Amino acid sequence: MDELTASARKAEAERLRMVLKCSEAKQMPLLAEHLAFETDESAKSCLKILKLAVADGKATPSKP
């Protein structure tokens, strides 16, 4: 494997790790998996989306 390929794989592994291991991913695992595997969003962008989704979920009143 050449150096460029190894560097790209390492960067993608770190991106996946950051998205899937954050505390918000534990609360919204399906969204975290979707963002990690089905998008090309940066880890920073994925984390922001997850934080907003968790906050929105907490703000939505539950129905009896």
N, C-alpha and C. Protein backbone atom coordinates (compact mmCIF):
# COMPACT_ATOMS: atom_id res chain seq x y z
N MET A 1 0.85 -1.17 0.00
CA MET A 1 0.00 0.00 0.00
C MET A 1 0.90 1.24 0.00
N ASP A 2 0.59 2.18 -0.86
CA ASP A 2 1.43 3.37 -0.92
C ASP A 2 1.09 4.33 0.23
N GLU A 3 1.94 5.30 0.41
CA GLU A 3 1.83 6.23 1.53
C GLU A 3 0.54 7.05 1.47
N LEU A 4 0.14 7.46 0.28
CA LEU A 4 -1.08 8.26 0.12
C LEU A 4 -2.32 7.44 0.50
N THR A 5 -2.37 6.20 0.07
CA THR A 5 -3.49 5.33 0.40
C THR A 5 -3.54 5.07 1.91
N ALA A 6 -2.41 4.81 2.50
CA ALA A 6 -2.35 4.57 3.94
C ALA A 6 -2.81 5.80 4.71
N SER A 7 -2.41 6.97 4.26
CA SER A 7 -2.81 8.21 4.91
C SER A 7 -4.32 8.43 4.80
N ALA A 8 -4.89 8.15 3.64
CA ALA A 8 -6.33 8.31 3.43
C ALA A 8 -7.11 7.32 4.30
N ARG A 9 -6.64 6.10 4.39
CA ARG A 9 -7.31 5.10 5.24
C ARG A 9 -7.26 5.50 6.71
N LYS A 10 -6.12 6.00 7.13
CA LYS A 10 -5.98 6.43 8.52
C LYS A 10 -6.92 7.60 8.81
N ALA A 11 -7.01 8.55 7.90
CA ALA A 11 -7.89 9.70 8.09
C ALA A 11 -9.36 9.27 8.14
N GLU A 12 -9.75 8.35 7.28
CA GLU A 12 -11.14 7.87 7.28
C GLU A 12 -11.44 7.08 8.56
N ALA A 13 -10.50 6.28 9.01
CA ALA A 13 -10.70 5.53 10.26
C ALA A 13 -10.88 6.49 11.44
N GLU A 14 -10.10 7.56 11.45
CA GLU A 14 -10.22 8.55 12.52
C GLU A 14 -11.57 9.27 12.44
N ARG A 15 -12.03 9.58 11.24
CA ARG A 15 -13.34 10.21 11.06
C ARG A 15 -14.45 9.31 11.60
N LEU A 16 -14.39 8.04 11.22
CA LEU A 16 -15.40 7.08 11.69
C LEU A 16 -15.37 6.97 13.22
N ARG A 17 -14.18 6.86 13.76
CA ARG A 17 -14.01 6.74 15.22
C ARG A 17 -14.62 7.96 15.93
N MET A 18 -14.33 9.15 15.44
CA MET A 18 -14.85 10.36 16.08
C MET A 18 -16.37 10.41 16.06
N VAL A 19 -16.95 10.03 14.93
CA VAL A 19 -18.41 10.08 14.80
C VAL A 19 -19.07 8.99 15.64
N LEU A 20 -18.57 7.78 15.57
CA LEU A 20 -19.24 6.65 16.22
C LEU A 20 -18.98 6.55 17.71
N LYS A 21 -17.94 7.20 18.21
CA LYS A 21 -17.59 7.10 19.63
C LYS A 21 -18.05 8.31 20.45
N CYS A 22 -18.60 9.33 19.83
CA CYS A 22 -19.03 10.50 20.59
C CYS A 22 -20.25 10.16 21.44
N SER A 23 -20.48 10.94 22.48
CA SER A 23 -21.59 10.65 23.39
C SER A 23 -22.94 10.73 22.69
N GLU A 24 -23.07 11.62 21.73
CA GLU A 24 -24.33 11.75 20.99
C GLU A 24 -24.63 10.51 20.15
N ALA A 25 -23.61 9.83 19.68
CA ALA A 25 -23.80 8.61 18.90
C ALA A 25 -24.45 7.52 19.75
N LYS A 26 -24.17 7.54 21.03
CA LYS A 26 -24.78 6.54 21.92
C LYS A 26 -26.29 6.80 22.06
N GLN A 27 -26.67 8.07 21.93
CA GLN A 27 -28.08 8.43 22.05
C GLN A 27 -28.83 8.28 20.73
N MET A 28 -28.10 8.42 19.62
CA MET A 28 -28.71 8.34 18.30
C MET A 28 -27.84 7.48 17.38
N PRO A 29 -27.75 6.19 17.68
CA PRO A 29 -26.84 5.33 16.92
C PRO A 29 -27.18 5.19 15.44
N LEU A 30 -28.44 5.17 15.07
CA LEU A 30 -28.79 5.04 13.66
C LEU A 30 -28.36 6.26 12.87
N LEU A 31 -28.58 7.44 13.43
CA LEU A 31 -28.15 8.66 12.76
C LEU A 31 -26.63 8.71 12.67
N ALA A 32 -25.96 8.33 13.74
CA ALA A 32 -24.49 8.33 13.74
C ALA A 32 -23.95 7.38 12.66
N GLU A 33 -24.52 6.21 12.56
CA GLU A 33 -24.09 5.25 11.55
C GLU A 33 -24.35 5.78 10.14
N HIS A 34 -25.50 6.40 9.96
CA HIS A 34 -25.81 6.96 8.65
C HIS A 34 -24.79 8.05 8.28
N LEU A 35 -24.54 8.95 9.20
CA LEU A 35 -23.59 10.03 8.93
C LEU A 35 -22.19 9.48 8.67
N ALA A 36 -21.80 8.48 9.43
CA ALA A 36 -20.45 7.92 9.30
C ALA A 36 -20.25 7.16 7.99
N PHE A 37 -21.23 6.35 7.63
CA PHE A 37 -21.03 5.45 6.49
C PHE A 37 -21.70 5.87 5.19
N GLU A 38 -22.71 6.71 5.27
CA GLU A 38 -23.47 7.06 4.07
C GLU A 38 -23.27 8.49 3.59
N THR A 39 -22.39 9.25 4.26
CA THR A 39 -22.12 10.62 3.83
C THR A 39 -20.61 10.84 3.74
N ASP A 40 -20.26 11.93 3.12
CA ASP A 40 -18.86 12.35 3.05
C ASP A 40 -18.62 13.56 3.95
N GLU A 41 -19.55 13.83 4.85
CA GLU A 41 -19.41 14.96 5.77
C GLU A 41 -18.17 14.78 6.63
N SER A 42 -17.57 15.89 7.00
CA SER A 42 -16.41 15.83 7.90
C SER A 42 -16.88 15.38 9.29
N ALA A 43 -15.96 14.91 10.09
CA ALA A 43 -16.30 14.51 11.46
C ALA A 43 -16.89 15.69 12.21
N LYS A 44 -16.32 16.87 12.03
CA LYS A 44 -16.80 18.07 12.71
C LYS A 44 -18.26 18.34 12.34
N SER A 45 -18.59 18.23 11.08
CA SER A 45 -19.95 18.45 10.61
C SER A 45 -20.90 17.38 11.16
N CYS A 46 -20.46 16.13 11.16
CA CYS A 46 -21.28 15.04 11.70
C CYS A 46 -21.57 15.25 13.17
N LEU A 47 -20.56 15.66 13.92
CA LEU A 47 -20.75 15.88 15.36
C LEU A 47 -21.73 17.01 15.60
N LYS A 48 -21.66 18.05 14.79
CA LYS A 48 -22.59 19.17 14.93
C LYS A 48 -24.02 18.71 14.66
N ILE A 49 -24.21 17.92 13.61
CA ILE A 49 -25.54 17.40 13.28
C ILE A 49 -26.07 16.53 14.42
N LEU A 50 -25.23 15.65 14.95
CA LEU A 50 -25.66 14.79 16.05
C LEU A 50 -26.04 15.60 17.28
N LYS A 51 -25.25 16.61 17.61
CA LYS A 51 -25.56 17.46 18.78
C LYS A 51 -26.89 18.17 18.59
N LEU A 52 -27.13 18.69 17.39
CA LEU A 52 -28.41 19.35 17.12
C LEU A 52 -29.58 18.37 17.20
N ALA A 53 -29.40 17.18 16.68
CA ALA A 53 -30.46 16.18 16.70
C ALA A 53 -30.80 15.76 18.13
N VAL A 54 -29.78 15.58 18.96
CA VAL A 54 -30.01 15.21 20.37
C VAL A 54 -30.74 16.35 21.08
N ALA A 55 -30.29 17.58 20.87
CA ALA A 55 -30.94 18.73 21.50
C ALA A 55 -32.38 18.85 21.04
N ASP A 56 -32.63 18.65 19.76
CA ASP A 56 -33.98 18.72 19.22
C ASP A 56 -34.85 17.62 19.81
N GLY A 57 -34.28 16.44 19.96
CA GLY A 57 -35.04 15.33 20.56
C GLY A 57 -35.43 15.61 22.00
N LYS A 58 -34.59 16.29 22.73
CA LYS A 58 -34.88 16.64 24.11
C LYS A 58 -35.90 17.76 24.19
N ALA A 59 -35.94 18.62 23.17
CA ALA A 59 -36.86 19.76 23.17
C ALA A 59 -38.27 19.36 22.74
N THR A 60 -38.39 18.25 22.03
CA THR A 60 -39.69 17.81 21.55
C THR A 60 -40.47 17.17 22.69
N PRO A 61 -41.65 17.70 22.99
CA PRO A 61 -42.43 17.10 24.08
C PRO A 61 -42.90 15.69 23.71
N SER A 62 -42.85 14.83 24.67
CA SER A 62 -43.32 13.47 24.43
C SER A 62 -44.82 13.42 24.50
N LYS A 63 -45.42 12.56 23.70
CA LYS A 63 -46.88 12.43 23.66
C LYS A 63 -47.31 11.36 24.64
N PRO A 64 -48.40 11.60 25.33
CA PRO A 64 -48.89 10.60 26.30
C PRO A 64 -49.39 9.34 25.65
